[in-house]
Amino acid sequence: MSGDSLLLADYLDYVLLAEKLGFTNIFMVEHHFTGGGQVSSSLGLLTYLAAKTSRIRLGTAVIVLPWHNPAILAETVATLDVLSNGRFDFGVGKGYRPQEFSGFCIPQEEASGRFDEALAFLRSSWTETDRFSHQGKFWNFEQVQIEPRTVQKPHPPLWMGATSAESIARAAAEGVNLLLDQVAPIAEIGKRVKLYARIRDEARGDYNASQIAVTRGLFIVGSEHERLNVIDKYAKLLGSAGALKWLGGDNAEAQSQAYKVSDAPLIGTPEQIIERLADLERCGVDTVLISDMSGSKETLRTFAAEIMPAFDPRGPAKSAPVALKG
């Protein structure tokens, strides 16, 4: 087997163990041309996992709509929903890495327009019962019908990555579930949860906490020295990926320092991580997507044995479902 095949095989075993340990979801990212081994064909990998799993929900966080033909994407998502027996969650986004847009020969300034058009087409494609046409700025389809029909009605749950007040309000008003980032401090997460809840209830009257998921970086350590070393490396990694731009302006060192003193990452002992998760729960967070920096099965086992019981819904503290972000 090639190195990439071995890495994928290890990851598949990792997800199967997560299901066995009681993790509720797996959300997969989509990235291209990185040279770093990130998943590019997330829907293909999730389709394979649909056949290998039976309980864990399978999701994307996110598929970047501007890069995809929306008709083919609609068919692929519907097929995955059928094969997973309605276990698919469809997270979508606009994309943010210039090298990916240039790699696809798509101007990044078209991202918003392409996203809006693709999302509108996808919703129509899953709800139209007869053939329909679409004429837009970027795509034109004549008398098409998307097959198969999705298991979940009217379609798989839609999730949208958002950080600004405007984009959060839009997601809430349109009935799209909300994916929050791994960088924002807990107090900021609380503000965003309140905004989404208020707008969704005003617009649709159907808000519940399961409609929001918050990503957090995870690394379980045994000492304070180890914790400081890990968080320093993680801050540099996020900075190089452009994920810290809103912290400390354009200064990379300021961004890194701001993140290192933040309460956002779940980097610490099991006891410290439990405290952070409890703070998130008090802010109204019900679902946490853990981005496991170690990628080790031992981390999964430790998390399940020493951290998850503190949030067992059968116990005194009401639990938040715990998901993986791969």
C-alpha atoms as a PDB file:
ATOM      1  CA  MET A   1       0.000   0.000   0.000  1.00  0.00           C
ATOM      2  CA  SER A   2       1.143   3.567  -0.648  1.00  0.00           C
ATOM      3  CA  GLY A   3       1.699   6.055   2.170  1.00  0.00           C
ATOM      4  CA  ASP A   4      -1.580   7.816   1.350  1.00  0.00           C
ATOM      5  CA  SER A   5      -3.442   4.474   1.371  1.00  0.00           C
ATOM      6  CA  LEU A   6      -2.018   3.633   4.786  1.00  0.00           C
ATOM      7  CA  LEU A   7      -3.021   7.040   6.145  1.00  0.00           C
ATOM      8  CA  LEU A   8      -6.575   6.623   4.850  1.00  0.00           C
ATOM      9  CA  ALA A   9      -6.783   3.087   6.281  1.00  0.00           C
ATOM     10  CA  ASP A  10      -5.666   4.371   9.682  1.00  0.00           C
ATOM     11  CA  TYR A  11      -8.226   7.162   9.521  1.00  0.00           C
ATOM     12  CA  LEU A  12     -11.034   4.757   8.650  1.00  0.00           C
ATOM     13  CA  ASP A  13     -10.131   2.629  11.686  1.00  0.00           C
ATOM     14  CA  TYR A  14     -10.104   5.810  13.761  1.00  0.00           C
ATOM     15  CA  VAL A  15     -13.676   6.689  12.703  1.00  0.00           C
ATOM     16  CA  LEU A  16     -14.920   3.153  13.347  1.00  0.00           C
ATOM     17  CA  LEU A  17     -13.461   3.320  16.859  1.00  0.00           C
ATOM     18  CA  ALA A  18     -15.124   6.705  17.400  1.00  0.00           C
ATOM     19  CA  GLU A  19     -18.508   5.200  16.556  1.00  0.00           C
ATOM     20  CA  LYS A  20     -17.877   2.319  18.957  1.00  0.00           C
ATOM     21  CA  LEU A  21     -16.923   4.762  21.745  1.00  0.00           C
ATOM     22  CA  GLY A  22     -20.121   6.780  21.372  1.00  0.00           C
ATOM     23  CA  PHE A  23     -19.091   9.834  19.357  1.00  0.00           C
ATOM     24  CA  THR A  24     -22.175  11.123  17.576  1.00  0.00           C
ATOM     25  CA  ASN A  25     -20.917  12.661  14.315  1.00  0.00           C
ATOM     26  CA  ILE A  26     -17.968  12.930  11.980  1.00  0.00           C
ATOM     27  CA  PHE A  27     -17.640  16.166  10.018  1.00  0.00           C
ATOM     28  CA  MET A  28     -15.023  16.264   7.256  1.00  0.00           C
ATOM     29  CA  VAL A  29     -13.272  19.252   5.738  1.00  0.00           C
ATOM     30  CA  GLU A  30     -12.551  19.794   2.044  1.00  0.00           C
ATOM     31  CA  HIS A  31      -9.194  21.170   0.911  1.00  0.00           C
ATOM     32  CA  HIS A  32      -7.215  20.948  -2.295  1.00  0.00           C
ATOM     33  CA  PHE A  33      -3.653  21.390  -3.558  1.00  0.00           C
ATOM     34  CA  THR A  34      -2.199  21.644  -0.036  1.00  0.00           C
ATOM     35  CA  GLY A  35       0.584  19.074  -0.246  1.00  0.00           C
ATOM     36  CA  GLY A  36      -0.185  18.309   3.392  1.00  0.00           C
ATOM     37  CA  GLY A  37      -2.343  15.223   3.023  1.00  0.00           C
ATOM     38  CA  GLN A  38      -5.668  16.942   3.738  1.00  0.00           C
ATOM     39  CA  VAL A  39      -8.826  15.242   2.483  1.00  0.00           C
ATOM     40  CA  SER A  40      -9.850  16.450  -0.974  1.00  0.00           C
ATOM     41  CA  SER A  41     -12.695  14.035  -1.834  1.00  0.00           C
ATOM     42  CA  SER A  42     -14.637  14.249   1.416  1.00  0.00           C
ATOM     43  CA  LEU A  43     -17.943  13.108  -0.092  1.00  0.00           C
ATOM     44  CA  GLY A  44     -16.250  10.071  -1.610  1.00  0.00           C
ATOM     45  CA  LEU A  45     -14.685   9.126   1.711  1.00  0.00           C
ATOM     46  CA  LEU A  46     -17.969   9.660   3.569  1.00  0.00           C
ATOM     47  CA  THR A  47     -19.780   7.444   1.056  1.00  0.00           C
ATOM     48  CA  TYR A  48     -17.325   4.653   1.867  1.00  0.00           C
ATOM     49  CA  LEU A  49     -17.828   5.285   5.592  1.00  0.00           C
ATOM     50  CA  ALA A  50     -21.605   5.041   5.102  1.00  0.00           C
ATOM     51  CA  ALA A  51     -21.117   1.377   4.247  1.00  0.00           C
ATOM     52  CA  LYS A  52     -18.750   0.761   7.149  1.00  0.00           C
ATOM     53  CA  THR A  53     -20.768   2.447   9.917  1.00  0.00           C
ATOM     54  CA  SER A  54     -24.311   2.157  11.218  1.00  0.00           C
ATOM     55  CA  ARG A  55     -24.943   4.859  13.841  1.00  0.00           C
ATOM     56  CA  ILE A  56     -22.535   7.790  13.602  1.00  0.00           C
ATOM     57  CA  ARG A  57     -23.804  10.713  11.508  1.00  0.00           C
ATOM     58  CA  LEU A  58     -21.668  11.720   8.535  1.00  0.00           C
ATOM     59  CA  GLY A  59     -21.165  15.357   7.661  1.00  0.00           C
ATOM     60  CA  THR A  60     -19.114  17.961   5.832  1.00  0.00           C
ATOM     61  CA  ALA A  61     -17.611  21.024   7.440  1.00  0.00           C
ATOM     62  CA  VAL A  62     -17.530  22.229   4.804  1.00  0.00           C
ATOM     63  CA  ILE A  63     -18.008  21.572   1.082  1.00  0.00           C
ATOM     64  CA  VAL A  64     -16.964  24.756  -0.737  1.00  0.00           C
ATOM     65  CA  LEU A  65     -19.862  25.404  -3.107  1.00  0.00           C
ATOM     66  CA  PRO A  66     -18.084  27.778  -5.541  1.00  0.00           C
ATOM     67  CA  TRP A  67     -15.800  24.941  -6.692  1.00  0.00           C
ATOM     68  CA  HIS A  68     -18.540  22.447  -7.637  1.00  0.00           C
ATOM     69  CA  ASN A  69     -21.048  21.872 -10.405  1.00  0.00           C
ATOM     70  CA  PRO A  70     -24.258  22.156  -8.325  1.00  0.00           C
ATOM     71  CA  ALA A  71     -26.190  19.508 -10.292  1.00  0.00           C
ATOM     72  CA  ILE A  72     -23.492  16.872  -9.836  1.00  0.00           C
ATOM     73  CA  LEU A  73     -23.141  17.919  -6.203  1.00  0.00           C
ATOM     74  CA  ALA A  74     -26.902  17.559  -5.647  1.00  0.00           C
ATOM     75  CA  GLU A  75     -26.821  14.019  -7.070  1.00  0.00           C
ATOM     76  CA  THR A  76     -23.775  13.032  -5.006  1.00  0.00           C
ATOM     77  CA  VAL A  77     -25.252  14.346  -1.765  1.00  0.00           C
ATOM     78  CA  ALA A  78     -28.584  12.642  -2.423  1.00  0.00           C
ATOM     79  CA  THR A  79     -26.814   9.342  -3.123  1.00  0.00           C
ATOM     80  CA  LEU A  80     -24.843   9.624   0.118  1.00  0.00           C
ATOM     81  CA  ASP A  81     -28.023  10.372   2.050  1.00  0.00           C
ATOM     82  CA  VAL A  82     -29.630   7.224   0.642  1.00  0.00           C
ATOM     83  CA  LEU A  83     -26.604   5.000   1.250  1.00  0.00           C
ATOM     84  CA  SER A  84     -26.254   6.248   4.834  1.00  0.00           C
ATOM     85  CA  ASN A  85     -29.992   5.788   5.464  1.00  0.00           C
ATOM     86  CA  GLY A  86     -30.451   9.467   6.273  1.00  0.00           C
ATOM     87  CA  ARG A  87     -27.322  10.018   8.373  1.00  0.00           C
ATOM     88  CA  PHE A  88     -25.829  12.841   6.307  1.00  0.00           C
ATOM     89  CA  ASP A  89     -25.337  16.481   7.392  1.00  0.00           C
ATOM     90  CA  PHE A  90     -24.421  18.893   4.599  1.00  0.00           C
ATOM     91  CA  GLY A  91     -22.144  21.706   5.743  1.00  0.00           C
ATOM     92  CA  VAL A  92     -21.354  24.315   3.094  1.00  0.00           C
ATOM     93  CA  GLY A  93     -19.086  27.335   2.810  1.00  0.00           C
ATOM     94  CA  LYS A  94     -17.604  29.919   0.443  1.00  0.00           C
ATOM     95  CA  GLY A  95     -13.918  29.020   0.808  1.00  0.00           C
ATOM     96  CA  TYR A  96     -11.102  31.292   1.908  1.00  0.00           C
ATOM     97  CA  ARG A  97      -7.764  30.006   0.582  1.00  0.00           C
ATOM     98  CA  PRO A  98      -6.573  31.932  -2.506  1.00  0.00           C
ATOM     99  CA  GLN A  99      -4.435  29.037  -3.779  1.00  0.00           C
ATOM    100  CA  GLU A 100      -7.498  26.791  -3.990  1.00  0.00           C
ATOM    101  CA  PHE A 101      -9.489  29.298  -6.024  1.00  0.00           C
ATOM    102  CA  SER A 102      -6.538  29.902  -8.343  1.00  0.00           C
ATOM    103  CA  GLY A 103      -6.006  26.143  -8.643  1.00  0.00           C
ATOM    104  CA  PHE A 104      -9.561  25.748  -9.901  1.00  0.00           C
ATOM    105  CA  CYS A 105      -9.237  28.856 -12.114  1.00  0.00           C
ATOM    106  CA  ILE A 106     -12.137  30.486 -10.273  1.00  0.00           C
ATOM    107  CA  PRO A 107     -11.795  34.168  -9.296  1.00  0.00           C
ATOM    108  CA  GLN A 108     -12.134  34.419  -5.516  1.00  0.00           C
ATOM    109  CA  GLU A 109     -14.194  37.590  -5.895  1.00  0.00           C
ATOM    110  CA  GLU A 110     -16.928  35.390  -7.403  1.00  0.00           C
ATOM    111  CA  ALA A 111     -17.153  33.261  -4.244  1.00  0.00           C
ATOM    112  CA  SER A 112     -20.229  34.918  -2.736  1.00  0.00           C
ATOM    113  CA  GLY A 113     -22.190  34.961  -5.969  1.00  0.00           C
ATOM    114  CA  ARG A 114     -21.333  31.368  -6.796  1.00  0.00           C
ATOM    115  CA  PHE A 115     -22.183  30.265  -3.263  1.00  0.00           C
ATOM    116  CA  ASP A 116     -25.607  31.927  -3.282  1.00  0.00           C
ATOM    117  CA  GLU A 117     -26.530  30.557  -6.698  1.00  0.00           C
ATOM    118  CA  ALA A 118     -25.370  27.031  -5.913  1.00  0.00           C
ATOM    119  CA  LEU A 119     -27.222  26.949  -2.589  1.00  0.00           C
ATOM    120  CA  ALA A 120     -30.460  28.136  -4.201  1.00  0.00           C
ATOM    121  CA  PHE A 121     -30.125  25.483  -6.927  1.00  0.00           C
ATOM    122  CA  LEU A 122     -29.416  22.714  -4.410  1.00  0.00           C
ATOM    123  CA  ARG A 123     -32.513  23.510  -2.384  1.00  0.00           C
ATOM    124  CA  SER A 124     -34.683  23.546  -5.489  1.00  0.00           C
ATOM    125  CA  SER A 125     -33.156  20.342  -6.806  1.00  0.00           C
ATOM    126  CA  TRP A 126     -34.120  18.364  -3.708  1.00  0.00           C
ATOM    127  CA  THR A 127     -37.638  19.754  -3.371  1.00  0.00           C
ATOM    128  CA  GLU A 128     -38.818  19.877  -7.007  1.00  0.00           C
ATOM    129  CA  THR A 129     -40.899  16.824  -7.881  1.00  0.00           C
ATOM    130  CA  ASP A 130     -40.837  17.430 -11.640  1.00  0.00           C
ATOM    131  CA  ARG A 131     -38.195  18.515 -14.099  1.00  0.00           C
ATOM    132  CA  PHE A 132     -37.128  22.119 -13.688  1.00  0.00           C
ATOM    133  CA  SER A 133     -34.827  24.682 -15.275  1.00  0.00           C
ATOM    134  CA  HIS A 134     -32.337  27.088 -13.773  1.00  0.00           C
ATOM    135  CA  GLN A 135     -30.886  30.170 -15.436  1.00  0.00           C
ATOM    136  CA  GLY A 136     -28.268  31.972 -13.395  1.00  0.00           C
ATOM    137  CA  LYS A 137     -25.121  34.025 -13.705  1.00  0.00           C
ATOM    138  CA  PHE A 138     -22.783  31.040 -13.389  1.00  0.00           C
ATOM    139  CA  TRP A 139     -24.924  27.979 -14.219  1.00  0.00           C
ATOM    140  CA  ASN A 140     -27.740  27.108 -16.610  1.00  0.00           C
ATOM    141  CA  PHE A 141     -29.685  23.842 -16.528  1.00  0.00           C
ATOM    142  CA  GLU A 142     -32.592  22.945 -18.806  1.00  0.00           C
ATOM    143  CA  GLN A 143     -35.305  20.505 -17.767  1.00  0.00           C
ATOM    144  CA  VAL A 144     -33.265  18.546 -15.243  1.00  0.00           C
ATOM    145  CA  GLN A 145     -34.368  16.226 -12.468  1.00  0.00           C
ATOM    146  CA  ILE A 146     -32.067  15.221  -9.630  1.00  0.00           C
ATOM    147  CA  GLU A 147     -31.929  11.560  -8.677  1.00  0.00           C
ATOM    148  CA  PRO A 148     -32.100   9.760  -6.310  1.00  0.00           C
ATOM    149  CA  ARG A 149     -34.534  11.382  -3.888  1.00  0.00           C
ATOM    150  CA  THR A 150     -33.064  12.114  -0.486  1.00  0.00           C
ATOM    151  CA  VAL A 151     -34.105  10.063   2.547  1.00  0.00           C
ATOM    152  CA  GLN A 152     -34.237  13.113   4.820  1.00  0.00           C
ATOM    153  CA  LYS A 153     -37.019  15.555   3.977  1.00  0.00           C
ATOM    154  CA  PRO A 154     -37.063  18.044   2.488  1.00  0.00           C
ATOM    155  CA  HIS A 155     -33.295  17.395   2.239  1.00  0.00           C
ATOM    156  CA  PRO A 156     -30.312  16.647   4.503  1.00  0.00           C
ATOM    157  CA  PRO A 157     -29.786  19.278   7.222  1.00  0.00           C
ATOM    158  CA  LEU A 158     -27.851  22.252   5.891  1.00  0.00           C
ATOM    159  CA  TRP A 159     -25.003  23.674   7.964  1.00  0.00           C
ATOM    160  CA  MET A 160     -23.136  26.895   7.240  1.00  0.00           C
ATOM    161  CA  GLY A 161     -19.812  28.085   8.578  1.00  0.00           C
ATOM    162  CA  ALA A 162     -20.218  31.685   9.773  1.00  0.00           C
ATOM    163  CA  THR A 163     -18.401  34.201  11.970  1.00  0.00           C
ATOM    164  CA  SER A 164     -19.786  37.667  11.200  1.00  0.00           C
ATOM    165  CA  ALA A 165     -23.056  38.896  12.698  1.00  0.00           C
ATOM    166  CA  GLU A 166     -24.448  39.311   9.175  1.00  0.00           C
ATOM    167  CA  SER A 167     -23.688  35.739   8.097  1.00  0.00           C
ATOM    168  CA  ILE A 168     -24.933  34.285  11.401  1.00  0.00           C
ATOM    169  CA  ALA A 169     -28.198  36.217  11.078  1.00  0.00           C
ATOM    170  CA  ARG A 170     -28.581  35.007   7.502  1.00  0.00           C
ATOM    171  CA  ALA A 171     -28.115  31.364   8.500  1.00  0.00           C
ATOM    172  CA  ALA A 172     -30.669  31.731  11.292  1.00  0.00           C
ATOM    173  CA  ALA A 173     -33.274  33.464   9.128  1.00  0.00           C
ATOM    174  CA  GLU A 174     -32.922  30.861   6.360  1.00  0.00           C
ATOM    175  CA  GLY A 175     -33.165  27.895   8.731  1.00  0.00           C
ATOM    176  CA  VAL A 176     -29.587  26.744   8.140  1.00  0.00           C
ATOM    177  CA  ASN A 177     -27.716  25.201  11.059  1.00  0.00           C
ATOM    178  CA  LEU A 178     -24.611  27.019  12.275  1.00  0.00           C
ATOM    179  CA  LEU A 179     -20.971  25.879  12.363  1.00  0.00           C
ATOM    180  CA  LEU A 180     -18.775  28.060  14.575  1.00  0.00           C
ATOM    181  CA  ASP A 181     -14.998  28.167  14.382  1.00  0.00           C
ATOM    182  CA  GLN A 182     -12.257  26.826  16.629  1.00  0.00           C
ATOM    183  CA  VAL A 183     -10.586  30.207  17.174  1.00  0.00           C
ATOM    184  CA  ALA A 184     -13.169  32.463  18.839  1.00  0.00           C
ATOM    185  CA  PRO A 185     -12.988  32.716  22.666  1.00  0.00           C
ATOM    186  CA  ILE A 186     -15.840  31.239  24.674  1.00  0.00           C
ATOM    187  CA  ALA A 187     -17.380  34.637  25.482  1.00  0.00           C
ATOM    188  CA  GLU A 188     -17.558  35.444  21.769  1.00  0.00           C
ATOM    189  CA  ILE A 189     -19.116  32.042  21.074  1.00  0.00           C
ATOM    190  CA  GLY A 190     -21.788  32.855  23.653  1.00  0.00           C
ATOM    191  CA  LYS A 191     -22.640  36.110  21.854  1.00  0.00           C
ATOM    192  CA  ARG A 192     -22.942  34.311  18.531  1.00  0.00           C
ATOM    193  CA  VAL A 193     -25.162  31.600  19.990  1.00  0.00           C
ATOM    194  CA  LYS A 194     -27.502  34.226  21.459  1.00  0.00           C
ATOM    195  CA  LEU A 195     -27.669  36.119  18.162  1.00  0.00           C
ATOM    196  CA  TYR A 196     -28.459  32.986  16.162  1.00  0.00           C
ATOM    197  CA  ALA A 197     -31.065  31.816  18.682  1.00  0.00           C
ATOM    198  CA  ARG A 198     -32.818  35.195  18.724  1.00  0.00           C
ATOM    199  CA  ILE A 199     -32.915  35.609  14.940  1.00  0.00           C
ATOM    200  CA  ARG A 200     -33.992  32.013  14.301  1.00  0.00           C
ATOM    201  CA  ASP A 201     -36.819  32.231  16.820  1.00  0.00           C
ATOM    202  CA  GLU A 202     -37.959  35.593  15.434  1.00  0.00           C
ATOM    203  CA  ALA A 203     -37.862  34.344  11.841  1.00  0.00           C
ATOM    204  CA  ARG A 204     -38.951  30.720  12.205  1.00  0.00           C
ATOM    205  CA  GLY A 205     -39.870  29.995  15.833  1.00  0.00           C
ATOM    206  CA  ASP A 206     -38.008  26.683  15.839  1.00  0.00           C
ATOM    207  CA  TYR A 207     -34.645  27.270  17.535  1.00  0.00           C
ATOM    208  CA  ASN A 208     -33.060  24.469  19.534  1.00  0.00           C
ATOM    209  CA  ALA A 209     -29.484  24.023  20.702  1.00  0.00           C
ATOM    210  CA  SER A 210     -28.769  21.110  18.351  1.00  0.00           C
ATOM    211  CA  GLN A 211     -28.754  23.583  15.449  1.00  0.00           C
ATOM    212  CA  ILE A 212     -25.325  24.934  16.454  1.00  0.00           C
ATOM    213  CA  ALA A 213     -21.965  23.152  16.534  1.00  0.00           C
ATOM    214  CA  VAL A 214     -18.684  24.678  17.724  1.00  0.00           C
ATOM    215  CA  THR A 215     -15.279  23.395  16.613  1.00  0.00           C
ATOM    216  CA  ARG A 216     -12.463  23.190  19.164  1.00  0.00           C
ATOM    217  CA  GLY A 217      -8.909  21.983  18.722  1.00  0.00           C
ATOM    218  CA  LEU A 218      -8.134  19.041  21.038  1.00  0.00           C
ATOM    219  CA  PHE A 219      -4.901  17.769  22.537  1.00  0.00           C
ATOM    220  CA  ILE A 220      -4.798  15.906  25.835  1.00  0.00           C
ATOM    221  CA  VAL A 221      -1.601  16.488  27.823  1.00  0.00           C
ATOM    222  CA  GLY A 222      -0.156  15.347  31.120  1.00  0.00           C
ATOM    223  CA  SER A 223       1.642  18.490  32.289  1.00  0.00           C
ATOM    224  CA  GLU A 224       1.589  22.277  32.071  1.00  0.00           C
ATOM    225  CA  HIS A 225       4.939  22.278  30.241  1.00  0.00           C
ATOM    226  CA  GLU A 226       3.523  19.997  27.570  1.00  0.00           C
ATOM    227  CA  ARG A 227       0.366  22.109  27.295  1.00  0.00           C
ATOM    228  CA  LEU A 228       2.344  25.304  26.623  1.00  0.00           C
ATOM    229  CA  ASN A 229       4.490  23.598  23.990  1.00  0.00           C
ATOM    230  CA  VAL A 230       1.470  22.167  22.188  1.00  0.00           C
ATOM    231  CA  ILE A 231      -0.508  25.399  22.172  1.00  0.00           C
ATOM    232  CA  ASP A 232       2.506  27.275  20.787  1.00  0.00           C
ATOM    233  CA  LYS A 233       2.822  24.816  17.890  1.00  0.00           C
ATOM    234  CA  TYR A 234      -0.937  24.851  17.281  1.00  0.00           C
ATOM    235  CA  ALA A 235      -1.087  28.655  17.196  1.00  0.00           C
ATOM    236  CA  LYS A 236       1.665  28.715  14.565  1.00  0.00           C
ATOM    237  CA  LEU A 237      -0.126  26.040  12.531  1.00  0.00           C
ATOM    238  CA  LEU A 238      -3.418  27.943  12.546  1.00  0.00           C
ATOM    239  CA  GLY A 239      -1.621  31.163  11.709  1.00  0.00           C
ATOM    240  CA  SER A 240       0.072  29.613   8.682  1.00  0.00           C
ATOM    241  CA  ALA A 241      -3.344  28.398   7.453  1.00  0.00           C
ATOM    242  CA  GLY A 242      -4.806  31.891   7.734  1.00  0.00           C
ATOM    243  CA  ALA A 243      -7.203  30.936  10.518  1.00  0.00           C
ATOM    244  CA  LEU A 244      -6.113  33.614  13.005  1.00  0.00           C
ATOM    245  CA  LYS A 245      -6.434  36.728  10.867  1.00  0.00           C
ATOM    246  CA  TRP A 246      -9.121  38.315  12.995  1.00  0.00           C
ATOM    247  CA  LEU A 247      -6.918  37.983  16.111  1.00  0.00           C
ATOM    248  CA  GLY A 248      -4.254  40.676  16.338  1.00  0.00           C
ATOM    249  CA  GLY A 249      -4.926  42.193  12.923  1.00  0.00           C
ATOM    250  CA  ASP A 250      -2.416  41.392  10.181  1.00  0.00           C
ATOM    251  CA  ASN A 251       0.498  40.777  12.527  1.00  0.00           C
ATOM    252  CA  ALA A 252       1.231  37.042  12.613  1.00  0.00           C
ATOM    253  CA  GLU A 253       3.064  37.203  15.940  1.00  0.00           C
ATOM    254  CA  ALA A 254       0.225  39.199  17.549  1.00  0.00           C
ATOM    255  CA  GLN A 255      -2.279  36.664  16.237  1.00  0.00           C
ATOM    256  CA  SER A 256      -0.285  33.801  17.702  1.00  0.00           C
ATOM    257  CA  GLN A 257       0.112  35.481  21.087  1.00  0.00           C
ATOM    258  CA  ALA A 258      -3.613  36.313  21.228  1.00  0.00           C
ATOM    259  CA  TYR A 259      -4.529  32.719  20.540  1.00  0.00           C
ATOM    260  CA  LYS A 260      -2.082  31.333  23.102  1.00  0.00           C
ATOM    261  CA  VAL A 261      -3.840  33.186  25.936  1.00  0.00           C
ATOM    262  CA  SER A 262      -7.315  32.376  24.590  1.00  0.00           C
ATOM    263  CA  ASP A 263      -9.686  29.894  26.194  1.00  0.00           C
ATOM    264  CA  ALA A 264     -10.664  28.511  22.784  1.00  0.00           C
ATOM    265  CA  PRO A 265      -8.509  25.381  22.410  1.00  0.00           C
ATOM    266  CA  LEU A 266      -9.155  22.176  24.333  1.00  0.00           C
ATOM    267  CA  ILE A 267      -5.486  21.703  25.095  1.00  0.00           C
ATOM    268  CA  GLY A 268      -4.861  20.434  28.597  1.00  0.00           C
ATOM    269  CA  THR A 269      -5.436  17.663  31.068  1.00  0.00           C
ATOM    270  CA  PRO A 270      -8.806  15.882  31.086  1.00  0.00           C
ATOM    271  CA  GLU A 271      -9.830  18.022  34.066  1.00  0.00           C
ATOM    272  CA  GLN A 272      -8.952  21.266  32.256  1.00  0.00           C
ATOM    273  CA  ILE A 273     -10.808  20.162  29.141  1.00  0.00           C
ATOM    274  CA  ILE A 274     -13.905  19.309  31.185  1.00  0.00           C
ATOM    275  CA  GLU A 275     -13.848  22.869  32.584  1.00  0.00           C
ATOM    276  CA  ARG A 276     -13.686  24.376  29.077  1.00  0.00           C
ATOM    277  CA  LEU A 277     -16.514  22.172  27.817  1.00  0.00           C
ATOM    278  CA  ALA A 278     -18.638  23.125  30.834  1.00  0.00           C
ATOM    279  CA  ASP A 279     -18.058  26.805  30.028  1.00  0.00           C
ATOM    280  CA  LEU A 280     -19.217  26.199  26.466  1.00  0.00           C
ATOM    281  CA  GLU A 281     -22.280  24.365  27.725  1.00  0.00           C
ATOM    282  CA  ARG A 282     -23.190  27.326  29.938  1.00  0.00           C
ATOM    283  CA  CYS A 283     -23.031  29.503  26.803  1.00  0.00           C
ATOM    284  CA  GLY A 284     -25.702  27.365  25.188  1.00  0.00           C
ATOM    285  CA  VAL A 285     -23.444  25.065  23.160  1.00  0.00           C
ATOM    286  CA  ASP A 286     -24.892  21.575  22.755  1.00  0.00           C
ATOM    287  CA  THR A 287     -22.565  20.070  20.137  1.00  0.00           C
ATOM    288  CA  VAL A 288     -18.775  20.310  20.086  1.00  0.00           C
ATOM    289  CA  LEU A 289     -16.726  19.209  17.077  1.00  0.00           C
ATOM    290  CA  ILE A 290     -13.312  18.184  18.311  1.00  0.00           C
ATOM    291  CA  SER A 291     -10.457  18.657  15.875  1.00  0.00           C
ATOM    292  CA  ASP A 292      -8.085  16.057  17.280  1.00  0.00           C
ATOM    293  CA  MET A 293      -4.555  17.326  16.739  1.00  0.00           C
ATOM    294  CA  SER A 294      -2.992  14.004  17.709  1.00  0.00           C
ATOM    295  CA  GLY A 295      -5.179  11.849  15.472  1.00  0.00           C
ATOM    296  CA  SER A 296      -4.507   8.968  17.830  1.00  0.00           C
ATOM    297  CA  LYS A 297      -6.882   6.244  18.933  1.00  0.00           C
ATOM    298  CA  GLU A 298      -5.519   6.607  22.453  1.00  0.00           C
ATOM    299  CA  THR A 299      -6.807  10.203  22.525  1.00  0.00           C
ATOM    300  CA  LEU A 300     -10.266   8.951  21.523  1.00  0.00           C
ATOM    301  CA  ARG A 301     -10.203   6.321  24.256  1.00  0.00           C
ATOM    302  CA  THR A 302      -9.048   8.795  26.915  1.00  0.00           C
ATOM    303  CA  PHE A 303     -11.660  11.344  25.859  1.00  0.00           C
ATOM    304  CA  ALA A 304     -14.422   8.725  25.975  1.00  0.00           C
ATOM    305  CA  ALA A 305     -13.308   7.276  29.308  1.00  0.00           C
ATOM    306  CA  GLU A 306     -12.322  10.406  31.252  1.00  0.00           C
ATOM    307  CA  ILE A 307     -14.142  13.384  29.692  1.00  0.00           C
ATOM    308  CA  MET A 308     -17.408  12.249  28.132  1.00  0.00           C
ATOM    309  CA  PRO A 309     -18.813  10.768  31.403  1.00  0.00           C
ATOM    310  CA  ALA A 310     -18.775  14.266  32.927  1.00  0.00           C
ATOM    311  CA  PHE A 311     -21.435  15.204  30.372  1.00  0.00           C
ATOM    312  CA  ASP A 312     -23.475  12.013  30.434  1.00  0.00           C
ATOM    313  CA  PRO A 313     -27.152  12.940  29.902  1.00  0.00           C
ATOM    314  CA  ARG A 314     -28.093  10.185  32.336  1.00  0.00           C
ATOM    315  CA  GLY A 315     -26.137  11.946  35.069  1.00  0.00           C
ATOM    316  CA  PRO A 316     -26.589  15.290  36.866  1.00  0.00           C
ATOM    317  CA  ALA A 317     -24.982  17.352  34.081  1.00  0.00           C
ATOM    318  CA  LYS A 318     -26.919  17.474  30.812  1.00  0.00           C
ATOM    319  CA  SER A 319     -24.623  16.371  28.013  1.00  0.00           C
ATOM    320  CA  ALA A 320     -23.447  17.951  24.806  1.00  0.00           C
ATOM    321  CA  PRO A 321     -23.070  15.504  21.926  1.00  0.00           C
ATOM    322  CA  VAL A 322     -19.426  15.152  20.928  1.00  0.00           C
ATOM    323  CA  ALA A 323     -18.430  14.939  17.284  1.00  0.00           C
ATOM    324  CA  LEU A 324     -15.188  14.618  15.367  1.00  0.00           C
ATOM    325  CA  LYS A 325     -13.947  17.008  12.718  1.00  0.00           C
ATOM    326  CA  GLY A 326     -11.570  15.255  10.363  1.00  0.00           C
END
